[in-house]
Amino acid sequence: MIDGLGEHQLQAYLASGQLPELARRLPEWRGTLTSTFPSTTMSAMTTLYMAEPPAVTGWLGYSLFDGDDVLDMLFQRRATPQGEVRALNSAELARLRGVDSQAKRLSALGVPCRHIAPATFQNTFLTDWFSEGADFLGYENHADVPALWPAAFQPGYTLAYFPEYDTACHAYGVGSPQAVAELRSLDGLLAALLDSRPRDCAVLLLADHGHINVAALPPSAEYLACLNGLPAGEGRALTARFLPGKAEAARHLLSEVAEVLTADELWAQGWYGGPPQTEADRARVGELTAVPRSHFQFVPPGRPHLRGTHGGWTEAEMRVPVLCWR
């Protein structure tokens, strides 16, 4: 699983000769999937690890409303309207783990499971949840990974997760030398995997979302004056709650540059993969969500501008590859 490698990017890299090993080992079958909405790692990766849509996992974006506060789902932090930020406590973390991972369910059926990921991810909240029921195999850098492939060839199910390309796209942009270098390294790892696998080992390559390069667009002062507390969501799918009587004014301001839907419209149209499991889940996405029409991201005060990003519903963000070798 290569974080951030959308179908559009994959095709562009193949066409420009940036993935020579993959080009020489084209799969027996290939297709595409649509990512979750928002097309963000916190929603999409949780869906892939749990085999459930965001409506069921409750992971509806990068950051979500919880009462008057905003939860940072990646770093498991709570921010208050007063500017206080603290780590979530054990009870709060337990509530976020509402679904069992695929690995836990498979291991309960007697299927051995393994999870390959950066060693620094071990014993973190997300990895403990995602890989529950699996043996964790960590790597310090890509040079360590080929030594882990024999374990993946044992009977059972192995998920190998590589976040480096996504990280490079955020920092330097899609198509940057840094992003290409990470992908070329992964191209070599895939070649080593395919060339050494036993004949009865199937390999799937997939991703959680794509990427686009974006410019920064700070929300206007007029829009910020409409807010009731902190905004949530992400730059490509900004969510917010508003002061009494200000929602329509905010919608008008946002509609000049973005598609704007109410929470009820998003839920009714099935963007989260089903109905909310609880009323608390319904409220976590605020009142309005704004999805920019062009290649920019909203950057509220205090948030960083990412050169490459995702979260919206353009084809480049939503369409991801599925390649299969059997």
C-alpha atoms as a PDB file:
ATOM      1  CA  MET A   1       0.000   0.000   0.000  1.00  0.00           C
ATOM      2  CA  ILE A   2       1.649   3.212  -1.222  1.00  0.00           C
ATOM      3  CA  ASP A   3       0.188   6.211   0.544  1.00  0.00           C
ATOM      4  CA  GLY A   4      -0.787   8.974  -1.889  1.00  0.00           C
ATOM      5  CA  LEU A   5      -0.129   7.202  -5.230  1.00  0.00           C
ATOM      6  CA  GLY A   6      -3.267   8.047  -7.217  1.00  0.00           C
ATOM      7  CA  GLU A   7      -4.063   6.489 -10.583  1.00  0.00           C
ATOM      8  CA  HIS A   8      -3.368   9.776 -12.403  1.00  0.00           C
ATOM      9  CA  GLN A   9       0.088  10.019 -10.855  1.00  0.00           C
ATOM     10  CA  LEU A  10       0.843   6.351 -11.531  1.00  0.00           C
ATOM     11  CA  GLN A  11      -0.017   6.701 -15.221  1.00  0.00           C
ATOM     12  CA  ALA A  12       2.050   9.878 -15.543  1.00  0.00           C
ATOM     13  CA  TYR A  13       5.089   8.274 -13.894  1.00  0.00           C
ATOM     14  CA  LEU A  14       4.808   5.174 -16.113  1.00  0.00           C
ATOM     15  CA  ALA A  15       4.459   7.284 -19.265  1.00  0.00           C
ATOM     16  CA  SER A  16       7.551   9.335 -18.394  1.00  0.00           C
ATOM     17  CA  GLY A  17       9.689   6.270 -17.634  1.00  0.00           C
ATOM     18  CA  GLN A  18       9.976   6.994 -13.904  1.00  0.00           C
ATOM     19  CA  LEU A  19       8.907   3.450 -12.922  1.00  0.00           C
ATOM     20  CA  PRO A  20      11.039   1.175 -15.108  1.00  0.00           C
ATOM     21  CA  GLU A  21      10.781  -1.907 -12.886  1.00  0.00           C
ATOM     22  CA  LEU A  22       6.995  -1.770 -12.764  1.00  0.00           C
ATOM     23  CA  ALA A  23       6.860  -1.145 -16.519  1.00  0.00           C
ATOM     24  CA  ARG A  24       8.776  -4.410 -17.049  1.00  0.00           C
ATOM     25  CA  ARG A  25       6.473  -6.324 -14.719  1.00  0.00           C
ATOM     26  CA  LEU A  26       2.999  -5.191 -15.674  1.00  0.00           C
ATOM     27  CA  PRO A  27       0.294  -6.981 -13.673  1.00  0.00           C
ATOM     28  CA  GLU A  28      -2.016  -9.711 -14.879  1.00  0.00           C
ATOM     29  CA  TRP A  29      -4.979  -7.592 -13.844  1.00  0.00           C
ATOM     30  CA  ARG A  30      -5.421  -3.930 -13.108  1.00  0.00           C
ATOM     31  CA  GLY A  31      -8.307  -1.679 -12.183  1.00  0.00           C
ATOM     32  CA  THR A  32      -9.130   1.323 -10.039  1.00  0.00           C
ATOM     33  CA  LEU A  33     -11.042   2.166  -6.892  1.00  0.00           C
ATOM     34  CA  THR A  34     -12.624   5.361  -5.658  1.00  0.00           C
ATOM     35  CA  SER A  35     -11.208   6.693  -2.412  1.00  0.00           C
ATOM     36  CA  THR A  36     -13.314   7.758   0.521  1.00  0.00           C
ATOM     37  CA  PHE A  37     -14.622  11.263   1.072  1.00  0.00           C
ATOM     38  CA  PRO A  38     -12.763  13.165   2.255  1.00  0.00           C
ATOM     39  CA  SER A  39      -9.923  11.642   0.224  1.00  0.00           C
ATOM     40  CA  THR A  40      -7.625  11.886   3.208  1.00  0.00           C
ATOM     41  CA  THR A  41      -5.373   9.338   4.889  1.00  0.00           C
ATOM     42  CA  MET A  42      -7.301   9.321   8.152  1.00  0.00           C
ATOM     43  CA  SER A  43     -10.540   8.321   6.419  1.00  0.00           C
ATOM     44  CA  ALA A  44      -9.205   6.229   3.544  1.00  0.00           C
ATOM     45  CA  MET A  45      -6.498   4.306   5.386  1.00  0.00           C
ATOM     46  CA  THR A  46      -8.875   3.456   8.220  1.00  0.00           C
ATOM     47  CA  THR A  47     -11.338   2.135   5.647  1.00  0.00           C
ATOM     48  CA  LEU A  48      -8.641  -0.033   4.051  1.00  0.00           C
ATOM     49  CA  TYR A  49      -7.442  -1.431   7.379  1.00  0.00           C
ATOM     50  CA  MET A  50     -10.964  -2.003   8.733  1.00  0.00           C
ATOM     51  CA  ALA A  51     -12.814  -2.905   5.487  1.00  0.00           C
ATOM     52  CA  GLU A  52     -15.572  -0.493   6.521  1.00  0.00           C
ATOM     53  CA  PRO A  53     -16.549   2.969   5.171  1.00  0.00           C
ATOM     54  CA  PRO A  54     -16.044   6.164   7.176  1.00  0.00           C
ATOM     55  CA  ALA A  55     -19.712   6.154   8.189  1.00  0.00           C
ATOM     56  CA  VAL A  56     -19.020   2.917  10.098  1.00  0.00           C
ATOM     57  CA  THR A  57     -15.504   3.603  11.397  1.00  0.00           C
ATOM     58  CA  GLY A  58     -16.440   7.137  12.486  1.00  0.00           C
ATOM     59  CA  TRP A  59     -13.221   8.467  10.932  1.00  0.00           C
ATOM     60  CA  LEU A  60     -14.830  11.176   8.800  1.00  0.00           C
ATOM     61  CA  GLY A  61     -11.834  13.404   8.112  1.00  0.00           C
ATOM     62  CA  TYR A  62      -8.476  14.671   9.307  1.00  0.00           C
ATOM     63  CA  SER A  63     -10.089  16.654  12.113  1.00  0.00           C
ATOM     64  CA  LEU A  64     -13.617  16.404  13.517  1.00  0.00           C
ATOM     65  CA  PHE A  65     -15.871  18.287  15.879  1.00  0.00           C
ATOM     66  CA  ASP A  66     -16.456  16.884  19.338  1.00  0.00           C
ATOM     67  CA  GLY A  67     -18.740  19.141  21.319  1.00  0.00           C
ATOM     68  CA  ASP A  68     -17.125  22.588  21.285  1.00  0.00           C
ATOM     69  CA  ASP A  69     -13.698  21.099  20.568  1.00  0.00           C
ATOM     70  CA  VAL A  70     -11.896  19.816  17.489  1.00  0.00           C
ATOM     71  CA  LEU A  71     -10.188  16.411  17.440  1.00  0.00           C
ATOM     72  CA  ASP A  72      -6.963  15.997  15.457  1.00  0.00           C
ATOM     73  CA  MET A  73      -7.365  12.385  14.335  1.00  0.00           C
ATOM     74  CA  LEU A  74      -3.794  11.883  13.104  1.00  0.00           C
ATOM     75  CA  PHE A  75      -2.089  12.990  16.302  1.00  0.00           C
ATOM     76  CA  GLN A  76      -5.022  12.180  18.633  1.00  0.00           C
ATOM     77  CA  ARG A  77      -5.201  15.660  20.149  1.00  0.00           C
ATOM     78  CA  ARG A  78      -8.073  17.830  21.373  1.00  0.00           C
ATOM     79  CA  ALA A  79      -8.124  21.580  20.696  1.00  0.00           C
ATOM     80  CA  THR A  80     -10.514  23.847  22.572  1.00  0.00           C
ATOM     81  CA  PRO A  81     -11.953  27.198  21.412  1.00  0.00           C
ATOM     82  CA  GLN A  82      -9.783  28.789  24.108  1.00  0.00           C
ATOM     83  CA  GLY A  83      -6.638  27.607  22.349  1.00  0.00           C
ATOM     84  CA  GLU A  84      -5.774  24.733  24.701  1.00  0.00           C
ATOM     85  CA  VAL A  85      -4.393  21.573  23.098  1.00  0.00           C
ATOM     86  CA  ARG A  86      -3.934  18.248  24.892  1.00  0.00           C
ATOM     87  CA  ALA A  87      -3.442  14.593  24.029  1.00  0.00           C
ATOM     88  CA  LEU A  88      -6.512  12.382  24.160  1.00  0.00           C
ATOM     89  CA  ASN A  89      -6.762  10.226  27.261  1.00  0.00           C
ATOM     90  CA  SER A  90      -7.177   6.447  27.246  1.00  0.00           C
ATOM     91  CA  ALA A  91     -10.974   6.570  27.481  1.00  0.00           C
ATOM     92  CA  GLU A  92     -11.182   8.982  24.543  1.00  0.00           C
ATOM     93  CA  LEU A  93      -8.832   6.831  22.480  1.00  0.00           C
ATOM     94  CA  ALA A  94     -10.886   3.715  23.230  1.00  0.00           C
ATOM     95  CA  ARG A  95     -13.971   5.419  21.797  1.00  0.00           C
ATOM     96  CA  LEU A  96     -12.133   6.020  18.523  1.00  0.00           C
ATOM     97  CA  ARG A  97     -11.547   2.277  18.085  1.00  0.00           C
ATOM     98  CA  GLY A  98     -15.104   1.392  17.194  1.00  0.00           C
ATOM     99  CA  VAL A  99     -14.304  -1.313  14.609  1.00  0.00           C
ATOM    100  CA  ASP A 100     -11.994  -4.326  14.606  1.00  0.00           C
ATOM    101  CA  SER A 101      -9.210  -4.416  12.028  1.00  0.00           C
ATOM    102  CA  GLN A 102      -9.129  -6.916   9.176  1.00  0.00           C
ATOM    103  CA  ALA A 103      -6.046  -8.466  10.757  1.00  0.00           C
ATOM    104  CA  LYS A 104      -7.851  -9.050  14.036  1.00  0.00           C
ATOM    105  CA  ARG A 105     -10.805 -10.653  12.282  1.00  0.00           C
ATOM    106  CA  LEU A 106      -8.607 -12.805  10.057  1.00  0.00           C
ATOM    107  CA  SER A 107      -6.410 -13.959  12.931  1.00  0.00           C
ATOM    108  CA  ALA A 108      -9.548 -14.980  14.860  1.00  0.00           C
ATOM    109  CA  LEU A 109     -10.294 -17.281  11.912  1.00  0.00           C
ATOM    110  CA  GLY A 110      -6.821 -18.807  12.121  1.00  0.00           C
ATOM    111  CA  VAL A 111      -5.207 -16.784   9.306  1.00  0.00           C
ATOM    112  CA  PRO A 112      -1.675 -15.624  10.205  1.00  0.00           C
ATOM    113  CA  CYS A 113      -1.272 -11.866   9.628  1.00  0.00           C
ATOM    114  CA  ARG A 114       1.722  -9.566   9.330  1.00  0.00           C
ATOM    115  CA  HIS A 115       2.032  -5.779   9.115  1.00  0.00           C
ATOM    116  CA  ILE A 116       5.099  -4.137   7.538  1.00  0.00           C
ATOM    117  CA  ALA A 117       5.546  -0.413   8.249  1.00  0.00           C
ATOM    118  CA  PRO A 118       8.189   2.082   9.413  1.00  0.00           C
ATOM    119  CA  ALA A 119       9.698   1.026  12.742  1.00  0.00           C
ATOM    120  CA  THR A 120       8.840   4.430  14.207  1.00  0.00           C
ATOM    121  CA  PHE A 121       5.152   3.555  13.845  1.00  0.00           C
ATOM    122  CA  GLN A 122       5.373   0.656  16.298  1.00  0.00           C
ATOM    123  CA  ASN A 123       3.464   1.058  19.578  1.00  0.00           C
ATOM    124  CA  THR A 124       1.557   4.099  18.346  1.00  0.00           C
ATOM    125  CA  PHE A 125      -2.213   4.321  18.694  1.00  0.00           C
ATOM    126  CA  LEU A 126      -2.958   3.931  14.989  1.00  0.00           C
ATOM    127  CA  THR A 127      -0.541   1.071  14.400  1.00  0.00           C
ATOM    128  CA  ASP A 128      -1.703  -0.795  17.497  1.00  0.00           C
ATOM    129  CA  TRP A 129      -5.259  -0.549  16.161  1.00  0.00           C
ATOM    130  CA  PHE A 130      -4.538  -1.137  12.482  1.00  0.00           C
ATOM    131  CA  SER A 131      -2.255  -4.122  13.102  1.00  0.00           C
ATOM    132  CA  GLU A 132      -4.082  -5.694  16.041  1.00  0.00           C
ATOM    133  CA  GLY A 133      -3.917  -9.439  15.484  1.00  0.00           C
ATOM    134  CA  ALA A 134      -0.846  -9.172  13.230  1.00  0.00           C
ATOM    135  CA  ASP A 135       2.888  -9.537  13.786  1.00  0.00           C
ATOM    136  CA  PHE A 136       4.504  -6.122  13.329  1.00  0.00           C
ATOM    137  CA  LEU A 137       7.608  -6.001  11.131  1.00  0.00           C
ATOM    138  CA  GLY A 138       9.307  -2.599  11.146  1.00  0.00           C
ATOM    139  CA  TYR A 139      11.884  -1.102   8.799  1.00  0.00           C
ATOM    140  CA  GLU A 140      14.254   1.835   9.378  1.00  0.00           C
ATOM    141  CA  ASN A 141      14.626   2.592   5.666  1.00  0.00           C
ATOM    142  CA  HIS A 142      13.821   0.961   2.334  1.00  0.00           C
ATOM    143  CA  ALA A 143      17.114  -0.944   2.342  1.00  0.00           C
ATOM    144  CA  ASP A 144      15.734  -3.022   5.229  1.00  0.00           C
ATOM    145  CA  VAL A 145      12.578  -4.100   3.432  1.00  0.00           C
ATOM    146  CA  PRO A 146      13.813  -6.929   1.141  1.00  0.00           C
ATOM    147  CA  ALA A 147      14.861  -8.883   4.239  1.00  0.00           C
ATOM    148  CA  LEU A 148      11.216  -8.743   5.375  1.00  0.00           C
ATOM    149  CA  TRP A 149       9.733 -10.162   2.181  1.00  0.00           C
ATOM    150  CA  PRO A 150      10.349 -13.847   3.116  1.00  0.00           C
ATOM    151  CA  ALA A 151       8.060 -13.382   6.126  1.00  0.00           C
ATOM    152  CA  ALA A 152       5.419 -11.987   3.795  1.00  0.00           C
ATOM    153  CA  PHE A 153       5.672 -15.126   1.669  1.00  0.00           C
ATOM    154  CA  GLN A 154       4.511 -17.358   4.508  1.00  0.00           C
ATOM    155  CA  PRO A 155       0.881 -18.545   4.373  1.00  0.00           C
ATOM    156  CA  GLY A 156      -1.543 -15.865   5.471  1.00  0.00           C
ATOM    157  CA  TYR A 157      -2.102 -12.151   4.901  1.00  0.00           C
ATOM    158  CA  THR A 158       0.540  -9.403   4.903  1.00  0.00           C
ATOM    159  CA  LEU A 159      -0.079  -5.691   4.532  1.00  0.00           C
ATOM    160  CA  ALA A 160       2.984  -3.541   3.790  1.00  0.00           C
ATOM    161  CA  TYR A 161       2.440   0.204   4.221  1.00  0.00           C
ATOM    162  CA  PHE A 162       4.775   2.822   2.734  1.00  0.00           C
ATOM    163  CA  PRO A 163       4.090   6.495   3.658  1.00  0.00           C
ATOM    164  CA  GLU A 164       7.243   8.091   2.223  1.00  0.00           C
ATOM    165  CA  TYR A 165       5.878   9.131  -1.187  1.00  0.00           C
ATOM    166  CA  ASP A 166       2.906  10.884   0.424  1.00  0.00           C
ATOM    167  CA  THR A 167       5.213  12.718   2.831  1.00  0.00           C
ATOM    168  CA  ALA A 168       7.416  13.927  -0.037  1.00  0.00           C
ATOM    169  CA  CYS A 169       4.403  15.126  -2.054  1.00  0.00           C
ATOM    170  CA  HIS A 170       3.136  17.142   0.909  1.00  0.00           C
ATOM    171  CA  ALA A 171       6.503  18.783   1.476  1.00  0.00           C
ATOM    172  CA  TYR A 172       7.763  19.260  -2.087  1.00  0.00           C
ATOM    173  CA  GLY A 173       4.848  18.639  -4.455  1.00  0.00           C
ATOM    174  CA  VAL A 174       3.688  15.973  -6.882  1.00  0.00           C
ATOM    175  CA  GLY A 175       6.338  15.296  -9.504  1.00  0.00           C
ATOM    176  CA  SER A 176       9.090  16.913  -7.438  1.00  0.00           C
ATOM    177  CA  PRO A 177      12.548  15.284  -7.494  1.00  0.00           C
ATOM    178  CA  GLN A 178      12.027  14.240  -3.865  1.00  0.00           C
ATOM    179  CA  ALA A 179       8.683  12.558  -4.575  1.00  0.00           C
ATOM    180  CA  VAL A 180      10.063  10.833  -7.674  1.00  0.00           C
ATOM    181  CA  ALA A 181      13.066   9.568  -5.703  1.00  0.00           C
ATOM    182  CA  GLU A 182      10.793   7.964  -3.108  1.00  0.00           C
ATOM    183  CA  LEU A 183       8.718   6.346  -5.827  1.00  0.00           C
ATOM    184  CA  ARG A 184      11.782   5.052  -7.664  1.00  0.00           C
ATOM    185  CA  SER A 185      12.917   3.429  -4.422  1.00  0.00           C
ATOM    186  CA  LEU A 186       9.520   1.780  -4.029  1.00  0.00           C
ATOM    187  CA  ASP A 187       9.725   0.660  -7.655  1.00  0.00           C
ATOM    188  CA  GLY A 188      12.852  -1.277  -6.736  1.00  0.00           C
ATOM    189  CA  LEU A 189      11.200  -2.826  -3.680  1.00  0.00           C
ATOM    190  CA  LEU A 190       8.269  -3.979  -5.798  1.00  0.00           C
ATOM    191  CA  ALA A 191      10.656  -5.590  -8.286  1.00  0.00           C
ATOM    192  CA  ALA A 192      12.429  -7.491  -5.510  1.00  0.00           C
ATOM    193  CA  LEU A 193       9.089  -8.649  -4.155  1.00  0.00           C
ATOM    194  CA  LEU A 194       7.714  -9.837  -7.479  1.00  0.00           C
ATOM    195  CA  ASP A 195      10.953 -11.550  -8.533  1.00  0.00           C
ATOM    196  CA  SER A 196      11.335 -13.541  -5.319  1.00  0.00           C
ATOM    197  CA  ARG A 197       7.747 -14.436  -4.407  1.00  0.00           C
ATOM    198  CA  PRO A 198       6.622 -18.059  -4.504  1.00  0.00           C
ATOM    199  CA  ARG A 199       4.194 -19.066  -7.228  1.00  0.00           C
ATOM    200  CA  ASP A 200       1.277 -19.382  -4.801  1.00  0.00           C
ATOM    201  CA  CYS A 201       1.673 -15.823  -3.473  1.00  0.00           C
ATOM    202  CA  ALA A 202      -0.670 -13.131  -4.830  1.00  0.00           C
ATOM    203  CA  VAL A 203       0.401  -9.477  -4.662  1.00  0.00           C
ATOM    204  CA  LEU A 204      -1.899  -6.453  -4.718  1.00  0.00           C
ATOM    205  CA  LEU A 205      -0.623  -2.891  -5.079  1.00  0.00           C
ATOM    206  CA  LEU A 206      -3.043  -0.153  -4.084  1.00  0.00           C
ATOM    207  CA  ALA A 207      -3.232   3.291  -2.517  1.00  0.00           C
ATOM    208  CA  ASP A 208      -5.521   5.274  -0.259  1.00  0.00           C
ATOM    209  CA  HIS A 209      -5.869   8.478  -2.312  1.00  0.00           C
ATOM    210  CA  GLY A 210      -4.136  10.579  -4.951  1.00  0.00           C
ATOM    211  CA  HIS A 211      -2.452  13.986  -4.829  1.00  0.00           C
ATOM    212  CA  ILE A 212      -2.593  17.372  -6.514  1.00  0.00           C
ATOM    213  CA  ASN A 213      -0.337  20.409  -6.242  1.00  0.00           C
ATOM    214  CA  VAL A 214      -2.138  23.359  -4.688  1.00  0.00           C
ATOM    215  CA  ALA A 215      -1.812  27.027  -3.880  1.00  0.00           C
ATOM    216  CA  ALA A 216      -2.781  28.419  -0.486  1.00  0.00           C
ATOM    217  CA  LEU A 217      -6.001  30.386   0.002  1.00  0.00           C
ATOM    218  CA  PRO A 218      -6.444  31.892   3.457  1.00  0.00           C
ATOM    219  CA  PRO A 219     -10.150  32.184   4.367  1.00  0.00           C
ATOM    220  CA  SER A 220     -11.397  35.770   4.179  1.00  0.00           C
ATOM    221  CA  ALA A 221     -11.845  37.883   7.270  1.00  0.00           C
ATOM    222  CA  GLU A 222     -15.573  38.040   6.478  1.00  0.00           C
ATOM    223  CA  TYR A 223     -15.792  34.227   6.551  1.00  0.00           C
ATOM    224  CA  LEU A 224     -13.770  33.899   9.735  1.00  0.00           C
ATOM    225  CA  ALA A 225     -16.121  36.388  11.411  1.00  0.00           C
ATOM    226  CA  CYS A 226     -19.001  33.961  10.772  1.00  0.00           C
ATOM    227  CA  LEU A 227     -17.367  31.038  12.616  1.00  0.00           C
ATOM    228  CA  ASN A 228     -18.547  29.660  15.905  1.00  0.00           C
ATOM    229  CA  GLY A 229     -15.292  28.228  17.257  1.00  0.00           C
ATOM    230  CA  LEU A 230     -12.528  26.492  15.324  1.00  0.00           C
ATOM    231  CA  PRO A 231     -12.906  25.108  11.780  1.00  0.00           C
ATOM    232  CA  ALA A 232     -12.273  21.394  11.185  1.00  0.00           C
ATOM    233  CA  GLY A 233     -11.814  19.037   8.251  1.00  0.00           C
ATOM    234  CA  GLU A 234      -8.874  19.810   5.972  1.00  0.00           C
ATOM    235  CA  GLY A 235      -7.760  22.301   3.384  1.00  0.00           C
ATOM    236  CA  ARG A 236      -9.490  20.481   0.535  1.00  0.00           C
ATOM    237  CA  ALA A 237     -12.679  19.791   2.524  1.00  0.00           C
ATOM    238  CA  LEU A 238     -13.067  22.510   5.138  1.00  0.00           C
ATOM    239  CA  THR A 239     -15.863  22.084   7.690  1.00  0.00           C
ATOM    240  CA  ALA A 240     -17.180  24.641  10.131  1.00  0.00           C
ATOM    241  CA  ARG A 241     -19.943  25.696  12.504  1.00  0.00           C
ATOM    242  CA  PHE A 242     -21.331  29.190  12.529  1.00  0.00           C
ATOM    243  CA  LEU A 243     -22.702  31.885  14.759  1.00  0.00           C
ATOM    244  CA  PRO A 244     -26.518  32.176  14.787  1.00  0.00           C
ATOM    245  CA  GLY A 245     -27.762  33.570  11.494  1.00  0.00           C
ATOM    246  CA  LYS A 246     -24.326  33.444   9.812  1.00  0.00           C
ATOM    247  CA  ALA A 247     -24.433  30.105   7.957  1.00  0.00           C
ATOM    248  CA  GLU A 248     -26.027  31.502   4.794  1.00  0.00           C
ATOM    249  CA  ALA A 249     -23.569  34.399   4.649  1.00  0.00           C
ATOM    250  CA  ALA A 250     -20.688  31.939   5.028  1.00  0.00           C
ATOM    251  CA  ARG A 251     -22.121  29.696   2.319  1.00  0.00           C
ATOM    252  CA  HIS A 252     -22.369  32.648  -0.058  1.00  0.00           C
ATOM    253  CA  LEU A 253     -18.753  33.629   0.588  1.00  0.00           C
ATOM    254  CA  LEU A 254     -17.457  30.077   0.134  1.00  0.00           C
ATOM    255  CA  SER A 255     -19.542  29.374  -2.977  1.00  0.00           C
ATOM    256  CA  GLU A 256     -17.443  31.847  -4.952  1.00  0.00           C
ATOM    257  CA  VAL A 257     -14.501  29.425  -4.880  1.00  0.00           C
ATOM    258  CA  ALA A 258     -15.859  26.079  -3.690  1.00  0.00           C
ATOM    259  CA  GLU A 259     -18.719  23.614  -3.829  1.00  0.00           C
ATOM    260  CA  VAL A 260     -20.545  23.924  -0.510  1.00  0.00           C
ATOM    261  CA  LEU A 261     -22.758  21.237   1.000  1.00  0.00           C
ATOM    262  CA  THR A 262     -24.540  21.040   4.314  1.00  0.00           C
ATOM    263  CA  ALA A 263     -23.876  18.114   6.622  1.00  0.00           C
ATOM    264  CA  ASP A 264     -27.376  16.797   5.908  1.00  0.00           C
ATOM    265  CA  GLU A 265     -26.680  16.899   2.158  1.00  0.00           C
ATOM    266  CA  LEU A 266     -23.399  15.017   2.548  1.00  0.00           C
ATOM    267  CA  TRP A 267     -24.997  12.318   4.665  1.00  0.00           C
ATOM    268  CA  ALA A 268     -28.097  12.022   2.459  1.00  0.00           C
ATOM    269  CA  GLN A 269     -26.007  11.758  -0.725  1.00  0.00           C
ATOM    270  CA  GLY A 270     -23.905   8.952   0.745  1.00  0.00           C
ATOM    271  CA  TRP A 271     -20.524  10.679   0.689  1.00  0.00           C
ATOM    272  CA  TYR A 272     -19.449   8.890   3.888  1.00  0.00           C
ATOM    273  CA  GLY A 273     -20.517   5.454   2.707  1.00  0.00           C
ATOM    274  CA  GLY A 274     -23.751   5.176   4.661  1.00  0.00           C
ATOM    275  CA  PRO A 275     -25.831   6.877   7.352  1.00  0.00           C
ATOM    276  CA  PRO A 276     -24.252   8.130  10.583  1.00  0.00           C
ATOM    277  CA  GLN A 277     -24.017   5.472  13.263  1.00  0.00           C
ATOM    278  CA  THR A 278     -24.946   7.976  15.986  1.00  0.00           C
ATOM    279  CA  GLU A 279     -26.140  11.561  16.265  1.00  0.00           C
ATOM    280  CA  ALA A 280     -22.684  12.410  17.608  1.00  0.00           C
ATOM    281  CA  ASP A 281     -21.210  11.177  14.317  1.00  0.00           C
ATOM    282  CA  ARG A 282     -23.647  13.333  12.356  1.00  0.00           C
ATOM    283  CA  ALA A 283     -22.480  16.403  14.286  1.00  0.00           C
ATOM    284  CA  ARG A 284     -18.748  15.674  13.828  1.00  0.00           C
ATOM    285  CA  VAL A 285     -18.718  17.163  10.306  1.00  0.00           C
ATOM    286  CA  GLY A 286     -20.131  20.542  11.323  1.00  0.00           C
ATOM    287  CA  GLU A 287     -22.743  22.536   9.413  1.00  0.00           C
ATOM    288  CA  LEU A 288     -21.109  23.241   6.040  1.00  0.00           C
ATOM    289  CA  THR A 289     -18.275  21.593   4.093  1.00  0.00           C
ATOM    290  CA  ALA A 290     -16.468  23.535   1.358  1.00  0.00           C
ATOM    291  CA  VAL A 291     -14.603  21.635  -1.383  1.00  0.00           C
ATOM    292  CA  PRO A 292     -12.463  23.963  -3.564  1.00  0.00           C
ATOM    293  CA  ARG A 293     -13.193  23.837  -7.291  1.00  0.00           C
ATOM    294  CA  SER A 294      -9.654  24.603  -8.399  1.00  0.00           C
ATOM    295  CA  HIS A 295      -6.179  23.565  -7.281  1.00  0.00           C
ATOM    296  CA  PHE A 296      -5.916  25.358  -3.983  1.00  0.00           C
ATOM    297  CA  GLN A 297      -6.480  24.584  -0.336  1.00  0.00           C
ATOM    298  CA  PHE A 298      -8.004  26.634   2.417  1.00  0.00           C
ATOM    299  CA  VAL A 299      -5.335  27.464   4.991  1.00  0.00           C
ATOM    300  CA  PRO A 300      -6.970  28.737   8.198  1.00  0.00           C
ATOM    301  CA  PRO A 301      -4.790  30.646  10.663  1.00  0.00           C
ATOM    302  CA  GLY A 302      -2.265  28.376  12.341  1.00  0.00           C
ATOM    303  CA  ARG A 303      -2.356  25.634   9.707  1.00  0.00           C
ATOM    304  CA  PRO A 304       0.521  24.882   7.319  1.00  0.00           C
ATOM    305  CA  HIS A 305       0.385  25.190   3.534  1.00  0.00           C
ATOM    306  CA  LEU A 306       1.176  21.847   1.885  1.00  0.00           C
ATOM    307  CA  ARG A 307       2.588  21.937  -1.652  1.00  0.00           C
ATOM    308  CA  GLY A 308       0.856  18.692  -2.566  1.00  0.00           C
ATOM    309  CA  THR A 309      -2.328  17.564  -0.897  1.00  0.00           C
ATOM    310  CA  HIS A 310      -5.664  15.782  -1.176  1.00  0.00           C
ATOM    311  CA  GLY A 311      -9.032  15.568   0.556  1.00  0.00           C
ATOM    312  CA  GLY A 312     -11.301  16.822  -2.220  1.00  0.00           C
ATOM    313  CA  TRP A 313     -13.232  14.948  -4.882  1.00  0.00           C
ATOM    314  CA  THR A 314     -11.295  15.614  -8.086  1.00  0.00           C
ATOM    315  CA  GLU A 315     -10.422  12.564 -10.156  1.00  0.00           C
ATOM    316  CA  ALA A 316      -6.720  12.985  -9.346  1.00  0.00           C
ATOM    317  CA  GLU A 317      -7.458  12.889  -5.611  1.00  0.00           C
ATOM    318  CA  MET A 318     -10.133  10.178  -5.637  1.00  0.00           C
ATOM    319  CA  ARG A 319      -9.068   7.587  -8.223  1.00  0.00           C
ATOM    320  CA  VAL A 320      -6.550   5.038  -6.944  1.00  0.00           C
ATOM    321  CA  PRO A 321      -4.940   2.048  -8.689  1.00  0.00           C
ATOM    322  CA  VAL A 322      -5.350  -1.644  -7.969  1.00  0.00           C
ATOM    323  CA  LEU A 323      -2.716  -3.889  -9.562  1.00  0.00           C
ATOM    324  CA  CYS A 324      -2.744  -7.641  -9.100  1.00  0.00           C
ATOM    325  CA  TRP A 325      -0.075 -10.264  -9.744  1.00  0.00           C
ATOM    326  CA  ARG A 326      -1.064 -13.911  -9.181  1.00  0.00           C
END
